Amino acid sequence: MEQRIRVLIIDDHPLFRQGIRWSLEEAGDMEVVGEAENGQEAIKLAERLVPDVVLVDINLPGLNGLEVARVIKRREPRVGLIVISVYEDDDQLFQAIKVGAAAYSSKDVHPRDLVRMIREVARGKYLINDSVIAKPHVATRVLHQFRELAATEDERTSALFAPLTSREIEILDCIARGLSNKEIASQLSISGQTVKNHITSILSKLQVNDRTMAVIYAIQRGWIRMGYDGHHSHAVGDKRSS
């Protein structure tokens, strides 16, 4: 029998938690291993239970859901985070990316879609990418922050992007600055075909489908760590084995 997906629900509304519990238990392949109504309780439960997926409401009393998600992801990096909110908001989506969420959804999601989302996140998928692709201005904000980080952390870049060569890192930074292939070729004094070859290599190594996702992947994998408030961003190497 296939092992069931272990889910932790974090929300301050008992009725909402109960509704999710019923929906997940009906799915047959999921187990709600715990519930928490505030951030402090949630962090303790996540550490003790180490669930596969954590479903966290963004609007918690006291320590908000984004901060809770950030702490849980830092302490338990293999946990899949799904951030939920009363309504979808572009700034919340951006913040959800920064804390390492795998998915972001409004609370009016259909139970069937929530079950599907949890299954995919448990398998390691980053559904939040689809949300970003649909909102180019959010992707632009992510790329802008990467550019700032790359500019201030040049001496550490090789450690941050272990899978990539130094030239590929240069090209990724050019992508973050919004340069076209032709502009990248001109700036680095290489041919357009060479740029294409490097980009193909980057996408292949990171197993993503486009340029924007390459940068977002780097953030999600912890190669780039951004401060919660956006004003004290910094990058650190991820020493965990992949």
Protein backbone atom coordinates (compact mmCIF):
# COMPACT_ATOMS: atom_id res chain seq x y z
CA MET A 1 0.00 0.00 0.00
CA GLU A 2 1.38 3.38 -1.01
CA GLN A 3 2.35 5.61 1.89
CA ARG A 4 -0.16 8.35 2.56
CA ILE A 5 0.72 12.03 2.21
CA ARG A 6 1.09 13.57 5.69
CA VAL A 7 -0.45 17.05 5.89
CA LEU A 8 -0.29 19.75 8.57
CA ILE A 9 -3.08 22.38 8.47
CA ILE A 10 -2.37 25.86 9.88
CA ASP A 11 -5.42 28.13 10.10
CA ASP A 12 -7.13 30.02 12.92
CA HIS A 13 -10.67 29.09 11.84
CA PRO A 14 -11.77 25.68 13.22
CA LEU A 15 -14.58 25.30 10.68
CA PHE A 16 -12.19 25.85 7.76
CA ARG A 17 -9.69 23.36 9.20
CA GLN A 18 -12.47 20.78 9.63
CA GLY A 19 -13.60 21.27 6.04
CA ILE A 20 -10.08 20.69 4.74
CA ARG A 21 -9.66 17.64 6.97
CA TRP A 22 -12.85 16.08 5.59
CA SER A 23 -11.83 16.78 2.00
CA LEU A 24 -8.36 15.28 2.46
CA GLU A 25 -9.53 12.22 4.35
CA GLU A 26 -12.05 11.49 1.60
CA ALA A 27 -9.19 11.51 -0.93
CA GLY A 28 -7.93 8.25 0.58
CA ASP A 29 -4.20 8.85 0.07
CA MET A 30 -3.77 11.64 2.64
CA GLU A 31 -3.55 11.87 6.40
CA VAL A 32 -3.97 15.08 8.42
CA VAL A 33 -1.27 14.60 11.05
CA GLY A 34 -1.90 17.85 12.89
CA GLU A 35 -3.70 21.19 13.09
CA ALA A 36 -2.51 24.52 14.46
CA GLU A 37 -4.35 27.80 14.96
CA ASN A 38 -1.34 30.08 15.45
CA GLY A 39 2.23 30.43 14.24
CA GLN A 40 4.11 29.40 17.37
CA GLU A 41 2.09 26.19 17.69
CA ALA A 42 2.51 25.51 13.97
CA ILE A 43 6.31 25.75 14.06
CA LYS A 44 6.52 23.34 17.01
CA LEU A 45 4.18 20.85 15.32
CA ALA A 46 6.06 21.03 12.01
CA GLU A 47 9.34 20.24 13.78
CA ARG A 48 7.82 17.35 15.75
CA LEU A 49 5.71 15.81 12.99
CA VAL A 50 7.80 16.64 9.87
CA PRO A 51 4.80 16.45 7.49
CA ASP A 52 5.11 16.08 3.71
CA VAL A 53 2.97 19.15 3.03
CA VAL A 54 2.09 22.17 5.18
CA LEU A 55 -1.04 24.15 4.32
CA VAL A 56 -0.69 27.60 5.91
CA ASP A 57 -3.12 30.53 6.00
CA ILE A 58 -1.35 33.81 5.27
CA ASN A 59 -3.47 35.76 7.79
CA LEU A 60 -2.70 34.16 11.12
CA PRO A 61 -2.98 36.05 14.44
CA GLY A 62 0.38 37.11 15.85
CA LEU A 63 3.15 35.61 13.72
CA ASN A 64 1.73 35.80 10.19
CA GLY A 65 1.57 32.88 7.80
CA LEU A 66 4.44 34.03 5.59
CA GLU A 67 6.82 34.26 8.52
CA VAL A 68 5.63 30.87 9.79
CA ALA A 69 6.21 29.39 6.33
CA ARG A 70 9.70 30.91 6.17
CA VAL A 71 10.71 29.44 9.53
CA ILE A 72 9.28 25.99 8.72
CA LYS A 73 11.01 25.89 5.33
CA ARG A 74 14.34 26.91 6.88
CA ARG A 75 14.12 24.22 9.56
CA GLU A 76 12.50 21.50 7.43
CA PRO A 77 13.62 22.20 3.83
CA ARG A 78 12.02 19.05 2.40
CA VAL A 79 8.51 20.10 3.48
CA GLY A 80 6.23 21.29 0.67
CA LEU A 81 4.54 24.60 1.52
CA ILE A 82 1.14 25.71 0.23
CA VAL A 83 0.22 29.28 1.16
CA ILE A 84 -3.51 30.10 1.14
CA SER A 85 -5.28 33.43 1.42
CA VAL A 86 -8.81 34.82 1.48
CA TYR A 87 -8.10 36.44 -1.88
CA GLU A 88 -5.25 36.24 -4.39
CA ASP A 89 -2.90 39.19 -4.26
CA ASP A 90 0.19 39.84 -6.39
CA ASP A 91 2.27 41.08 -3.46
CA GLN A 92 1.33 38.01 -1.42
CA LEU A 93 2.31 35.81 -4.39
CA PHE A 94 5.69 37.55 -4.52
CA GLN A 95 6.20 37.08 -0.77
CA ALA A 96 5.14 33.42 -1.05
CA ILE A 97 7.88 32.86 -3.64
CA LYS A 98 10.41 34.45 -1.30
CA VAL A 99 9.60 32.15 1.63
CA GLY A 100 9.91 29.07 -0.57
CA ALA A 101 6.25 28.15 -1.07
CA ALA A 102 5.54 25.49 -3.69
CA ALA A 103 1.99 26.75 -4.31
CA TYR A 104 -0.22 29.76 -3.59
CA SER A 105 -4.02 29.72 -3.71
CA SER A 106 -7.13 31.55 -2.57
CA LYS A 107 -9.34 29.90 0.05
CA ASP A 108 -12.20 29.46 -2.39
CA VAL A 109 -10.28 26.72 -4.18
CA HIS A 110 -12.43 23.68 -4.98
CA PRO A 111 -11.67 20.71 -2.68
CA ARG A 112 -10.85 18.57 -5.71
CA ASP A 113 -8.29 21.12 -6.90
CA LEU A 114 -6.79 21.40 -3.41
CA VAL A 115 -6.33 17.62 -3.26
CA ARG A 116 -4.62 17.67 -6.67
CA MET A 117 -2.40 20.55 -5.55
CA ILE A 118 -1.31 18.72 -2.40
CA ARG A 119 -0.52 15.56 -4.37
CA GLU A 120 1.67 17.47 -6.83
CA VAL A 121 3.46 19.46 -4.14
CA ALA A 122 4.14 16.22 -2.24
CA ARG A 123 5.83 14.95 -5.42
CA GLY A 124 8.14 17.97 -5.40
CA LYS A 125 6.41 20.14 -8.01
CA TYR A 126 6.43 23.95 -7.80
CA LEU A 127 2.93 24.95 -8.90
CA ILE A 128 3.68 28.56 -7.97
CA ASN A 129 5.61 28.81 -11.25
CA ASP A 130 2.33 28.73 -13.18
CA SER A 131 1.04 31.66 -11.11
CA VAL A 132 4.18 33.66 -11.87
CA ILE A 133 4.07 32.96 -15.61
CA ALA A 134 0.51 34.33 -15.66
CA LYS A 135 1.70 37.56 -13.96
CA PRO A 136 4.75 38.98 -15.80
CA HIS A 137 5.01 41.96 -13.44
CA VAL A 138 5.51 39.59 -10.50
CA ALA A 139 8.23 37.77 -12.44
CA THR A 140 9.86 41.15 -13.09
CA ARG A 141 10.00 41.84 -9.34
CA VAL A 142 11.65 38.47 -8.72
CA LEU A 143 14.21 39.12 -11.46
CA HIS A 144 14.89 42.60 -10.10
CA GLN A 145 15.68 41.24 -6.66
CA PHE A 146 17.95 38.61 -8.15
CA ARG A 147 19.85 41.32 -10.04
CA GLU A 148 20.38 43.28 -6.83
CA LEU A 149 21.60 40.17 -5.03
CA ALA A 150 23.95 39.22 -7.85
CA ALA A 151 25.41 42.73 -7.83
CA THR A 152 26.17 42.65 -4.10
CA GLU A 153 27.23 39.02 -3.76
CA ASP A 154 29.55 38.54 -6.74
CA GLU A 155 32.35 37.01 -4.69
CA ARG A 156 30.04 34.25 -3.49
CA THR A 157 28.19 33.53 -6.70
CA SER A 158 30.22 30.46 -7.66
CA ALA A 159 29.33 28.83 -4.34
CA LEU A 160 25.66 29.71 -4.68
CA PHE A 161 25.21 28.26 -8.13
CA ALA A 162 27.25 25.08 -7.85
CA PRO A 163 25.57 23.35 -10.84
CA LEU A 164 26.34 26.26 -13.19
CA THR A 165 29.60 27.40 -14.75
CA SER A 166 30.85 30.96 -14.22
CA ARG A 167 29.77 31.87 -17.76
CA GLU A 168 26.29 30.46 -17.16
CA ILE A 169 26.05 32.53 -13.99
CA GLU A 170 26.97 35.65 -15.98
CA ILE A 171 24.23 34.85 -18.48
CA LEU A 172 21.69 34.20 -15.73
CA ASP A 173 22.50 37.63 -14.31
CA CYS A 174 22.00 39.19 -17.76
CA ILE A 175 18.63 37.44 -17.97
CA ALA A 176 17.74 38.92 -14.56
CA ARG A 177 18.53 42.35 -15.96
CA GLY A 178 16.04 41.77 -18.77
CA LEU A 179 18.57 41.56 -21.62
CA SER A 180 17.66 39.78 -24.85
CA ASN A 181 19.87 37.06 -26.32
CA LYS A 182 21.30 39.59 -28.77
CA GLU A 183 22.08 42.07 -26.00
CA ILE A 184 23.68 39.33 -23.89
CA ALA A 185 25.85 38.31 -26.84
CA SER A 186 26.96 41.91 -27.34
CA GLN A 187 27.72 42.52 -23.67
CA LEU A 188 29.72 39.30 -23.24
CA SER A 189 31.35 39.48 -26.71
CA ILE A 190 30.12 36.05 -27.75
CA SER A 191 27.90 34.87 -30.60
CA GLY A 192 24.13 34.67 -30.39
CA GLN A 193 24.33 30.90 -30.92
CA THR A 194 26.71 30.57 -27.99
CA VAL A 195 24.22 32.45 -25.81
CA LYS A 196 21.46 30.08 -26.92
CA ASN A 197 23.68 27.08 -26.15
CA HIS A 198 24.41 28.39 -22.65
CA ILE A 199 20.73 29.09 -21.96
CA THR A 200 19.81 25.59 -23.15
CA SER A 201 22.43 24.23 -20.75
CA ILE A 202 21.10 26.33 -17.85
CA LEU A 203 17.51 25.21 -18.43
CA SER A 204 18.62 21.59 -18.74
CA LYS A 205 20.71 21.65 -15.56
CA LEU A 206 17.96 23.33 -13.56
CA GLN A 207 15.20 21.33 -15.29
CA VAL A 208 13.04 24.35 -16.01
CA ASN A 209 11.29 25.48 -19.17
CA ASP A 210 12.17 29.14 -19.53
CA ARG A 211 14.53 31.92 -18.49
CA THR A 212 12.35 33.44 -15.76
CA MET A 213 11.84 30.05 -14.13
CA ALA A 214 15.61 29.55 -13.99
CA VAL A 215 15.91 32.52 -11.63
CA ILE A 216 12.85 31.54 -9.60
CA TYR A 217 14.21 27.99 -9.30
CA ALA A 218 17.42 29.40 -7.83
CA ILE A 219 15.42 31.25 -5.19
CA GLN A 220 13.23 28.26 -4.37
CA ARG A 221 16.17 25.89 -4.01
CA GLY A 222 17.78 28.17 -1.45
CA TRP A 223 20.72 29.21 -3.63
CA ILE A 224 19.41 32.72 -3.12
CA ARG A 225 17.90 33.62 0.23
CA MET A 226 15.91 36.82 0.44
CA GLY A 227 14.98 38.55 3.68
CA TYR A 228 11.28 38.53 4.50
CA ASP A 229 10.73 42.29 4.34
CA GLY A 230 12.67 42.75 1.12
CA HIS A 231 14.92 45.40 2.65
CA HIS A 232 17.61 43.16 4.13
CA SER A 233 18.06 40.67 1.33
CA HIS A 234 21.12 38.46 1.39
CA ALA A 235 22.37 35.34 -0.31
CA VAL A 236 23.76 32.28 1.36
CA GLY A 237 25.04 28.97 0.06
CA ASP A 238 22.91 25.90 0.52
CA LYS A 239 25.13 23.30 2.17
CA ARG A 240 22.50 20.56 2.13
CA SER A 241 23.01 17.68 -0.25
CA SER A 242 20.57 17.60 -3.11
